[in-house]
C-alpha atoms as a PDB file:
ATOM      1  CA  UNK A   1     114.130  42.077  92.248  1.00  0.00           C
ATOM      2  CA  UNK A   2     116.459  44.864  91.113  1.00  0.00           C
ATOM      3  CA  UNK A   3     113.553  46.518  89.307  1.00  0.00           C
ATOM      4  CA  UNK A   4     111.452  46.488  92.497  1.00  0.00           C
ATOM      5  CA  UNK A   5     114.287  48.059  94.516  1.00  0.00           C
ATOM      6  CA  UNK A   6     114.897  50.688  91.821  1.00  0.00           C
ATOM      7  CA  UNK A   7     111.168  51.510  91.702  1.00  0.00           C
ATOM      8  CA  UNK A   8     111.076  51.788  95.492  1.00  0.00           C
ATOM      9  CA  UNK A   9     114.114  54.115  95.546  1.00  0.00           C
ATOM     10  CA  UNK A  10     112.656  56.355  92.835  1.00  0.00           C
ATOM     11  CA  UNK A  11     109.373  56.536  94.757  1.00  0.00           C
ATOM     12  CA  UNK A  12     111.191  57.503  97.952  1.00  0.00           C
ATOM     13  CA  UNK A  13     113.168  60.216  96.153  1.00  0.00           C
ATOM     14  CA  UNK A  14     110.018  61.783  94.645  1.00  0.00           C
ATOM     15  CA  UNK A  15     108.201  61.565  97.970  1.00  0.00           C
ATOM     16  CA  UNK A  16     111.162  63.197  99.723  1.00  0.00           C
ATOM     17  CA  UNK A  17     111.231  66.084  97.228  1.00  0.00           C
ATOM     18  CA  UNK A  18     107.505  66.607  97.616  1.00  0.00           C
ATOM     19  CA  UNK A  19     107.841  66.544 101.419  1.00  0.00           C
ATOM     20  CA  UNK A  20     110.664  69.109 101.321  1.00  0.00           C
ATOM     21  CA  UNK A  21     108.564  71.355  99.083  1.00  0.00           C
ATOM     22  CA  UNK A  22     105.581  71.089 101.455  1.00  0.00           C
ATOM     23  CA  UNK A  23     107.813  71.724 104.482  1.00  0.00           C
ATOM     24  CA  UNK A  24     109.203  74.914 102.911  1.00  0.00           C
ATOM     25  CA  UNK A  25     105.702  75.977 101.872  1.00  0.00           C
ATOM     26  CA  UNK A  26     104.403  75.508 105.423  1.00  0.00           C
ATOM     27  CA  UNK A  27     107.334  77.473 106.868  1.00  0.00           C
ATOM     28  CA  UNK A  28     106.847  80.460 104.576  1.00  0.00           C
ATOM     29  CA  UNK A  29     103.057  80.838 104.910  1.00  0.00           C
ATOM     30  CA  UNK A  30     102.272  83.835 107.112  1.00  0.00           C
ATOM     31  CA  UNK A  31     102.840  87.546 107.598  1.00  0.00           C
ATOM     32  CA  UNK A  32     106.411  88.809 107.467  1.00  0.00           C
ATOM     33  CA  UNK A  33     107.604  92.285 108.497  1.00  0.00           C
ATOM     34  CA  UNK A  34     110.367  93.495 106.197  1.00  0.00           C
ATOM     35  CA  UNK A  35     113.353  94.647 108.218  1.00  0.00           C
ATOM     36  CA  UNK A  36     115.710  95.172 105.289  1.00  0.00           C
ATOM     37  CA  UNK A  37     115.216  95.293 101.544  1.00  0.00           C
ATOM     38  CA  UNK A  38     117.738  96.034  98.814  1.00  0.00           C
ATOM     39  CA  UNK A  39     116.764  96.392  95.154  1.00  0.00           C
ATOM     40  CA  UNK A  40     119.638  96.397  92.653  1.00  0.00           C
ATOM     41  CA  UNK A  41     122.053  96.481  95.621  1.00  0.00           C
ATOM     42  CA  UNK A  42     120.598  99.733  97.042  1.00  0.00           C
ATOM     43  CA  UNK A  43     118.530 100.229 100.177  1.00  0.00           C
ATOM     44  CA  UNK A  44     114.894 100.184  99.095  1.00  0.00           C
ATOM     45  CA  UNK A  45     112.966 100.209 102.380  1.00  0.00           C
ATOM     46  CA  UNK A  46     112.150 103.932 102.245  1.00  0.00           C
ATOM     47  CA  UNK A  47     110.408 103.338  98.890  1.00  0.00           C
ATOM     48  CA  UNK A  48     107.860 100.893 100.370  1.00  0.00           C
ATOM     49  CA  UNK A  49     104.380 102.142 101.320  1.00  0.00           C
ATOM     50  CA  UNK A  50     104.158  99.269 103.818  1.00  0.00           C
ATOM     51  CA  UNK A  51     106.708  96.760 105.028  1.00  0.00           C
ATOM     52  CA  UNK A  52     104.709  93.512 105.108  1.00  0.00           C
ATOM     53  CA  UNK A  53     104.806  90.438 102.881  1.00  0.00           C
ATOM     54  CA  UNK A  54     101.886  88.016 103.270  1.00  0.00           C
ATOM     55  CA  UNK A  55     102.305  84.496 101.898  1.00  0.00           C
ATOM     56  CA  UNK A  56      98.824  82.949 101.766  1.00  0.00           C
ATOM     57  CA  UNK A  57      98.095  79.215 101.829  1.00  0.00           C
ATOM     58  CA  UNK A  58      96.387  79.410  98.413  1.00  0.00           C
ATOM     59  CA  UNK A  59      99.652  80.672  96.817  1.00  0.00           C
ATOM     60  CA  UNK A  60      98.526  84.301  96.647  1.00  0.00           C
ATOM     61  CA  UNK A  61     100.990  86.819  97.994  1.00  0.00           C
ATOM     62  CA  UNK A  62     100.418  90.366  99.172  1.00  0.00           C
ATOM     63  CA  UNK A  63     103.454  92.447  98.410  1.00  0.00           C
ATOM     64  CA  UNK A  64     104.006  96.064  99.364  1.00  0.00           C
ATOM     65  CA  UNK A  65     103.236  98.766  96.880  1.00  0.00           C
ATOM     66  CA  UNK A  66     106.283 100.922  96.254  1.00  0.00           C
ATOM     67  CA  UNK A  67     106.987 104.419  94.992  1.00  0.00           C
ATOM     68  CA  UNK A  68     108.032 102.922  91.648  1.00  0.00           C
ATOM     69  CA  UNK A  69     105.631  99.967  91.280  1.00  0.00           C
ATOM     70  CA  UNK A  70     101.908  99.665  91.970  1.00  0.00           C
ATOM     71  CA  UNK A  71     100.268  96.876  93.952  1.00  0.00           C
ATOM     72  CA  UNK A  72      99.441  93.715  92.005  1.00  0.00           C
ATOM     73  CA  UNK A  73      96.532  91.859  93.663  1.00  0.00           C
ATOM     74  CA  UNK A  74      97.163  88.904  91.336  1.00  0.00           C
ATOM     75  CA  UNK A  75     100.689  88.177  92.593  1.00  0.00           C
ATOM     76  CA  UNK A  76     101.422  84.513  93.350  1.00  0.00           C
ATOM     77  CA  UNK A  77     104.215  82.434  94.844  1.00  0.00           C
ATOM     78  CA  UNK A  78     105.418  78.836  94.667  1.00  0.00           C
ATOM     79  CA  UNK A  79     108.280  76.660  95.835  1.00  0.00           C
ATOM     80  CA  UNK A  80     110.227  74.813  93.143  1.00  0.00           C
ATOM     81  CA  UNK A  81     111.740  71.334  93.471  1.00  0.00           C
ATOM     82  CA  UNK A  82     115.195  72.903  93.876  1.00  0.00           C
ATOM     83  CA  UNK A  83     113.973  74.753  97.012  1.00  0.00           C
ATOM     84  CA  UNK A  84     113.721  78.094  95.238  1.00  0.00           C
ATOM     85  CA  UNK A  85     110.914  80.593  95.815  1.00  0.00           C
ATOM     86  CA  UNK A  86     109.258  82.080  92.733  1.00  0.00           C
ATOM     87  CA  UNK A  87     107.153  85.243  92.978  1.00  0.00           C
ATOM     88  CA  UNK A  88     105.052  86.111  89.923  1.00  0.00           C
ATOM     89  CA  UNK A  89     103.904  89.732  89.869  1.00  0.00           C
ATOM     90  CA  UNK A  90     103.609  92.788  87.656  1.00  0.00           C
ATOM     91  CA  UNK A  91     105.533  94.569  90.455  1.00  0.00           C
ATOM     92  CA  UNK A  92     109.023  94.159  89.031  1.00  0.00           C
ATOM     93  CA  UNK A  93     110.707  94.868  92.358  1.00  0.00           C
ATOM     94  CA  UNK A  94     109.363  91.526  93.655  1.00  0.00           C
ATOM     95  CA  UNK A  95     109.007  89.404  90.495  1.00  0.00           C
ATOM     96  CA  UNK A  96     111.925  86.973  90.648  1.00  0.00           C
ATOM     97  CA  UNK A  97     113.265  83.558  91.659  1.00  0.00           C
ATOM     98  CA  UNK A  98     114.837  83.544  95.119  1.00  0.00           C
ATOM     99  CA  UNK A  99     117.098  81.473  97.332  1.00  0.00           C
ATOM    100  CA  UNK A 100     115.442  81.008 100.735  1.00  0.00           C
ATOM    101  CA  UNK A 101     117.094  80.994 104.156  1.00  0.00           C
ATOM    102  CA  UNK A 102     115.151  80.689 107.401  1.00  0.00           C
ATOM    103  CA  UNK A 103     116.521  82.331 110.549  1.00  0.00           C
ATOM    104  CA  UNK A 104     115.963  80.800 113.964  1.00  0.00           C
ATOM    105  CA  UNK A 105     114.176  82.677 116.703  1.00  0.00           C
ATOM    106  CA  UNK A 106     116.324  84.432 119.279  1.00  0.00           C
ATOM    107  CA  UNK A 107     115.401  86.018 122.585  1.00  0.00           C
ATOM    108  CA  UNK A 108     115.121  89.375 120.855  1.00  0.00           C
ATOM    109  CA  UNK A 109     113.642  88.450 117.451  1.00  0.00           C
ATOM    110  CA  UNK A 110     111.017  86.061 116.095  1.00  0.00           C
ATOM    111  CA  UNK A 111     111.657  83.560 113.302  1.00  0.00           C
ATOM    112  CA  UNK A 112     113.193  85.210 110.286  1.00  0.00           C
ATOM    113  CA  UNK A 113     113.390  84.782 106.552  1.00  0.00           C
ATOM    114  CA  UNK A 114     115.933  85.916 103.998  1.00  0.00           C
ATOM    115  CA  UNK A 115     115.156  85.710 100.311  1.00  0.00           C
ATOM    116  CA  UNK A 116     117.744  86.675  97.729  1.00  0.00           C
ATOM    117  CA  UNK A 117     118.023  86.895  93.972  1.00  0.00           C
ATOM    118  CA  UNK A 118     120.417  88.705  91.657  1.00  0.00           C
ATOM    119  CA  UNK A 119     118.447  91.950  92.012  1.00  0.00           C
ATOM    120  CA  UNK A 120     116.691  91.835  95.391  1.00  0.00           C
ATOM    121  CA  UNK A 121     117.475  90.919  98.999  1.00  0.00           C
ATOM    122  CA  UNK A 122     114.796  90.833 101.695  1.00  0.00           C
ATOM    123  CA  UNK A 123     115.203  90.115 105.399  1.00  0.00           C
ATOM    124  CA  UNK A 124     111.901  89.791 107.255  1.00  0.00           C
ATOM    125  CA  UNK A 125     110.530  88.512 110.543  1.00  0.00           C
ATOM    126  CA  UNK A 126     107.359  86.557 111.198  1.00  0.00           C
ATOM    127  CA  UNK A 127     104.721  88.819 112.735  1.00  0.00           C
ATOM    128  CA  UNK A 128     102.826  86.014 114.461  1.00  0.00           C
ATOM    129  CA  UNK A 129     105.594  83.586 115.342  1.00  0.00           C
ATOM    130  CA  UNK A 130     103.808  81.043 117.538  1.00  0.00           C
ATOM    131  CA  UNK A 131     105.918  78.021 116.652  1.00  0.00           C
ATOM    132  CA  UNK A 132     107.658  76.410 119.656  1.00  0.00           C
ATOM    133  CA  UNK A 133     106.384  78.978 122.140  1.00  0.00           C
ATOM    134  CA  UNK A 134     107.673  78.347 125.691  1.00  0.00           C
END
């Protein structure tokens, strides 16, 4: 009996982690306009050629080309079990593991996203925020 309960609890824990990962993945998919970006604790927005991040459903990511780093069409992203975002890219300004924070919509701004690592901070807003439209 104890073995059945333990097996059930372990199954629920793994299912919960998987659900959290999928929930975060679904929240991040979309086009995000970068409002603020700091690289190595310095404002970096003026070095971007565009200010849009696009997280695609197939785990590809379009990241802005910068003055210092060229575009990498093979960049990818994933969510780890510990709710961290990983971006793999040859563009070193964006290649990192990030903490994720979602910002609620306000009357003046759509849903937001903050991602932060030791070397980069990005605050962005969803370009096509249709969730919970009133």
